[in-house]
Amino acid sequence: MKEISLWEWLLRASGKIAAVSGVIGLLVWLTWVMLDVKNMQSGFTLPY
């Protein structure tokens, strides 16, 4: 295992956290849109 600086480790950790939260956010948004589509009368609305 090679030595990495604390700064590099923090950047990698925050990158992973950002990626995971992005995926979770996307799944939540898609679920919201799917539920919204069922309740819509006409057109396509983006959730606020």
Protein backbone atom coordinates (compact mmCIF):
# COMPACT_ATOMS: atom_id res chain seq x y z
CA MET A 1 0.00 0.00 0.00
CA LYS A 2 1.59 3.25 -1.10
CA GLU A 3 1.61 6.38 0.99
CA ILE A 4 -1.02 8.94 0.10
CA SER A 5 -1.39 12.35 1.69
CA LEU A 6 -4.27 13.18 3.97
CA TRP A 7 -5.46 15.75 1.41
CA GLU A 8 -5.54 13.17 -1.37
CA TRP A 9 -7.40 10.73 0.88
CA LEU A 10 -9.97 13.40 1.78
CA LEU A 11 -10.50 14.27 -1.90
CA ARG A 12 -11.05 10.62 -2.80
CA ALA A 13 -13.40 10.06 0.14
CA SER A 14 -15.45 13.17 -0.70
CA GLY A 15 -15.54 12.07 -4.33
CA LYS A 16 -16.99 8.70 -3.38
CA ILE A 17 -19.53 10.33 -1.07
CA ALA A 18 -20.56 12.74 -3.83
CA ALA A 19 -20.96 9.88 -6.31
CA VAL A 20 -23.06 7.80 -3.93
CA SER A 21 -25.27 10.73 -2.94
CA GLY A 22 -25.67 11.60 -6.62
CA VAL A 23 -26.90 8.10 -7.43
CA ILE A 24 -29.28 8.11 -4.45
CA GLY A 25 -30.55 11.55 -5.45
CA LEU A 26 -31.14 10.37 -9.01
CA LEU A 27 -33.10 7.33 -7.81
CA VAL A 28 -35.24 9.49 -5.51
CA TRP A 29 -35.88 11.97 -8.34
CA LEU A 30 -36.82 9.20 -10.78
CA THR A 31 -39.20 7.67 -8.22
CA TRP A 32 -40.73 11.13 -7.67
CA VAL A 33 -41.18 11.61 -11.43
CA MET A 34 -42.76 8.16 -11.85
CA LEU A 35 -45.24 8.90 -9.06
CA ASP A 36 -45.85 12.36 -10.54
CA VAL A 37 -46.59 10.85 -13.98
CA LYS A 38 -49.39 8.77 -12.45
CA ASN A 39 -50.99 11.85 -10.91
CA MET A 40 -50.55 14.21 -13.86
CA GLN A 41 -53.45 15.47 -15.95
CA SER A 42 -51.47 16.79 -18.91
CA GLY A 43 -47.92 17.75 -19.89
CA PHE A 44 -44.69 16.98 -18.07
CA THR A 45 -43.81 18.72 -14.82
CA LEU A 46 -40.46 18.73 -13.06
CA PRO A 47 -40.60 18.36 -9.27
CA TYR A 48 -39.59 21.49 -7.37
